Structures are given as structure tokens and as C-alpha cells.
Amino acid sequence: MYQLEAIFQTRLDRTLQRVSARVTSRRRTRAQNAAVGGAAYSQHLIALAADLVPVAGSSYATIAAAARSAGLVPVIESDHVHVQLFPAGLPFVARLIDLLAA
């Protein structure tokens, strides 16, 4: 699992080098995830997702483009850009979350 977290962090760092953005959420417990209305199998639960908000002239679109370019899967939400390592709905990711999430 550590290697997947390292890959995600490297790609997140590349994204943040390309745009001005602030990370507002990263790893979450199941309770924290439920409190914010997160998906049951959110990659936040295993530290493979983050939420970003634009600062200093960046936009949701530029953040999403930088994340995609860095190898992440971006999802533009109403108040942030969610980025994750894997596309949603992959069975092996759900299994990882079942095994590893607190």
C-alpha cells in the first residue's frame, strides 16, 4: 500500500507544481468521510485521493488539466476538484478499501 501512496503523492506534487491550489482534504477515516457525505468507497479512505481548491488565479479547469497531465483522475465538484489515483468503481480498489480503511 505504501507504494501506491507514494505514487499518488508524486502525482499530486506534480499537479501542485503546475497550478496554484490548496489541498483541503486528503486521508479520511470512515467517520470523517461519512460526515462530509463522501462515497462509501472513496479513495480518501486509503490516502489515494485529495480535494483541491484554486488560489492565486487558478481555476477548477486548470487544476483538473494539471491533475490529468500528472496521471490522476480529476472530478470537478461544485466547490473543489477531487483527484484520485484510480477511476471510480474498480473492484480491486473497493477490496483495498475494505481491507485497509479505518
C-alpha atoms as a PDB file:
ATOM      1  CA  MET A   1       0.000   0.000   0.000  1.00  0.00           C
ATOM      2  CA  TYR A   2       2.866   2.348   0.794  1.00  0.00           C
ATOM      3  CA  GLN A   3       3.964   2.236  -2.849  1.00  0.00           C
ATOM      4  CA  LEU A   4       0.515   3.302  -4.062  1.00  0.00           C
ATOM      5  CA  GLU A   5       0.526   6.200  -1.599  1.00  0.00           C
ATOM      6  CA  ALA A   6       3.978   7.219  -2.844  1.00  0.00           C
ATOM      7  CA  ILE A   7       2.789   7.131  -6.465  1.00  0.00           C
ATOM      8  CA  PHE A   8      -0.250   9.233  -5.566  1.00  0.00           C
ATOM      9  CA  GLN A   9       1.873  11.733  -3.630  1.00  0.00           C
ATOM     10  CA  THR A  10       4.321  12.098  -6.523  1.00  0.00           C
ATOM     11  CA  ARG A  11       1.466  12.776  -8.943  1.00  0.00           C
ATOM     12  CA  LEU A  12      -0.194  15.184  -6.515  1.00  0.00           C
ATOM     13  CA  ASP A  13       3.112  17.036  -6.086  1.00  0.00           C
ATOM     14  CA  ARG A  14       3.443  17.315  -9.892  1.00  0.00           C
ATOM     15  CA  THR A  15      -0.075  18.730 -10.052  1.00  0.00           C
ATOM     16  CA  LEU A  16       0.654  21.299  -7.343  1.00  0.00           C
ATOM     17  CA  GLN A  17       3.866  22.354  -9.111  1.00  0.00           C
ATOM     18  CA  ARG A  18       1.824  23.238 -12.209  1.00  0.00           C
ATOM     19  CA  VAL A  19      -1.055  25.181 -10.618  1.00  0.00           C
ATOM     20  CA  SER A  20      -1.781  27.284  -7.565  1.00  0.00           C
ATOM     21  CA  ALA A  21      -4.073  25.164  -5.419  1.00  0.00           C
ATOM     22  CA  ARG A  22      -4.606  24.284  -1.786  1.00  0.00           C
ATOM     23  CA  VAL A  23      -5.296  20.766  -0.513  1.00  0.00           C
ATOM     24  CA  THR A  24      -8.410  20.846   1.663  1.00  0.00           C
ATOM     25  CA  SER A  25      -8.859  17.122   2.290  1.00  0.00           C
ATOM     26  CA  ARG A  26      -6.657  14.076   1.973  1.00  0.00           C
ATOM     27  CA  ARG A  27      -6.896  10.896   4.089  1.00  0.00           C
ATOM     28  CA  ARG A  28     -10.176  10.408   5.935  1.00  0.00           C
ATOM     29  CA  THR A  29     -11.492   7.913   8.439  1.00  0.00           C
ATOM     30  CA  ARG A  30     -14.833   6.290   7.659  1.00  0.00           C
ATOM     31  CA  ALA A  31     -16.476   8.612  10.213  1.00  0.00           C
ATOM     32  CA  GLN A  32     -14.922  11.732   8.657  1.00  0.00           C
ATOM     33  CA  ASN A  33     -15.897  10.538   5.199  1.00  0.00           C
ATOM     34  CA  ALA A  34     -19.497   9.940   6.248  1.00  0.00           C
ATOM     35  CA  ALA A  35     -19.658  13.355   7.929  1.00  0.00           C
ATOM     36  CA  VAL A  36     -18.806  15.126   4.655  1.00  0.00           C
ATOM     37  CA  GLY A  37     -21.057  12.917   2.534  1.00  0.00           C
ATOM     38  CA  GLY A  38     -18.192  11.042   0.887  1.00  0.00           C
ATOM     39  CA  ALA A  39     -18.688   7.948  -1.222  1.00  0.00           C
ATOM     40  CA  ALA A  40     -18.644   4.637   0.624  1.00  0.00           C
ATOM     41  CA  TYR A  41     -15.625   3.530  -1.399  1.00  0.00           C
ATOM     42  CA  SER A  42     -13.842   6.882  -1.550  1.00  0.00           C
ATOM     43  CA  GLN A  43     -10.121   6.673  -2.221  1.00  0.00           C
ATOM     44  CA  HIS A  44      -9.746   9.250   0.566  1.00  0.00           C
ATOM     45  CA  LEU A  45     -10.149   6.263   2.918  1.00  0.00           C
ATOM     46  CA  ILE A  46      -6.818   4.823   1.784  1.00  0.00           C
ATOM     47  CA  ALA A  47      -4.947   8.100   1.131  1.00  0.00           C
ATOM     48  CA  LEU A  48      -5.224   7.853  -2.655  1.00  0.00           C
ATOM     49  CA  ALA A  49      -7.370  10.968  -3.129  1.00  0.00           C
ATOM     50  CA  ALA A  50      -7.309  14.671  -2.325  1.00  0.00           C
ATOM     51  CA  ASP A  51      -9.560  17.687  -2.711  1.00  0.00           C
ATOM     52  CA  LEU A  52      -8.063  20.855  -4.168  1.00  0.00           C
ATOM     53  CA  VAL A  53      -9.297  24.436  -4.359  1.00  0.00           C
ATOM     54  CA  PRO A  54      -7.835  27.087  -6.638  1.00  0.00           C
ATOM     55  CA  VAL A  55      -5.792  30.002  -5.333  1.00  0.00           C
ATOM     56  CA  ALA A  56      -3.937  32.891  -6.991  1.00  0.00           C
ATOM     57  CA  GLY A  57      -5.754  32.906 -10.301  1.00  0.00           C
ATOM     58  CA  SER A  58      -6.067  29.175 -10.871  1.00  0.00           C
ATOM     59  CA  SER A  59      -9.398  27.650 -11.868  1.00  0.00           C
ATOM     60  CA  TYR A  60     -11.107  24.308 -11.458  1.00  0.00           C
ATOM     61  CA  ALA A  61     -10.394  23.598 -15.121  1.00  0.00           C
ATOM     62  CA  THR A  62      -6.658  24.325 -14.838  1.00  0.00           C
ATOM     63  CA  ILE A  63      -6.401  22.151 -11.724  1.00  0.00           C
ATOM     64  CA  ALA A  64      -8.222  19.293 -13.471  1.00  0.00           C
ATOM     65  CA  ALA A  65      -5.992  19.600 -16.546  1.00  0.00           C
ATOM     66  CA  ALA A  66      -2.816  19.603 -14.438  1.00  0.00           C
ATOM     67  CA  ALA A  67      -4.021  16.579 -12.455  1.00  0.00           C
ATOM     68  CA  ARG A  68      -4.893  14.666 -15.616  1.00  0.00           C
ATOM     69  CA  SER A  69      -1.488  15.554 -17.068  1.00  0.00           C
ATOM     70  CA  ALA A  70       0.178  14.232 -13.899  1.00  0.00           C
ATOM     71  CA  GLY A  71      -1.662  10.902 -14.181  1.00  0.00           C
ATOM     72  CA  LEU A  72      -4.504  11.489 -11.725  1.00  0.00           C
ATOM     73  CA  VAL A  73      -8.237  11.187 -12.281  1.00  0.00           C
ATOM     74  CA  PRO A  74      -9.868  14.581 -11.646  1.00  0.00           C
ATOM     75  CA  VAL A  75     -13.535  15.174 -10.860  1.00  0.00           C
ATOM     76  CA  ILE A  76     -14.727  18.778 -10.783  1.00  0.00           C
ATOM     77  CA  GLU A  77     -17.191  19.200  -7.912  1.00  0.00           C
ATOM     78  CA  SER A  78     -19.212  22.315  -7.039  1.00  0.00           C
ATOM     79  CA  ASP A  79     -16.643  23.704  -4.576  1.00  0.00           C
ATOM     80  CA  HIS A  80     -13.407  21.776  -5.239  1.00  0.00           C
ATOM     81  CA  VAL A  81     -11.577  19.459  -7.606  1.00  0.00           C
ATOM     82  CA  HIS A  82     -11.379  15.901  -6.334  1.00  0.00           C
ATOM     83  CA  VAL A  83      -8.340  13.994  -7.617  1.00  0.00           C
ATOM     84  CA  GLN A  84      -7.724  10.290  -7.180  1.00  0.00           C
ATOM     85  CA  LEU A  85      -5.279   7.667  -8.341  1.00  0.00           C
ATOM     86  CA  PHE A  86      -7.754   5.230  -9.916  1.00  0.00           C
ATOM     87  CA  PRO A  87     -11.042   5.663 -11.797  1.00  0.00           C
ATOM     88  CA  ALA A  88     -14.100   5.132  -9.608  1.00  0.00           C
ATOM     89  CA  GLY A  89     -15.758   1.738  -9.454  1.00  0.00           C
ATOM     90  CA  LEU A  90     -12.780  -0.577  -9.871  1.00  0.00           C
ATOM     91  CA  PRO A  91     -13.414  -3.787  -7.886  1.00  0.00           C
ATOM     92  CA  PHE A  92      -9.818  -4.123  -6.643  1.00  0.00           C
ATOM     93  CA  VAL A  93      -9.940  -0.582  -5.201  1.00  0.00           C
ATOM     94  CA  ALA A  94     -13.134  -1.445  -3.314  1.00  0.00           C
ATOM     95  CA  ARG A  95     -11.377  -4.545  -1.948  1.00  0.00           C
ATOM     96  CA  LEU A  96      -8.367  -2.473  -0.838  1.00  0.00           C
ATOM     97  CA  ILE A  97     -10.686  -0.067   0.950  1.00  0.00           C
ATOM     98  CA  ASP A  98     -12.492  -2.950   2.662  1.00  0.00           C
ATOM     99  CA  LEU A  99      -9.160  -4.352   3.836  1.00  0.00           C
ATOM    100  CA  LEU A 100      -7.348  -1.154   4.810  1.00  0.00           C
ATOM    101  CA  ALA A 101      -9.771   1.648   5.703  1.00  0.00           C
ATOM    102  CA  ALA A 102     -10.069   2.610   9.358  1.00  0.00           C
END
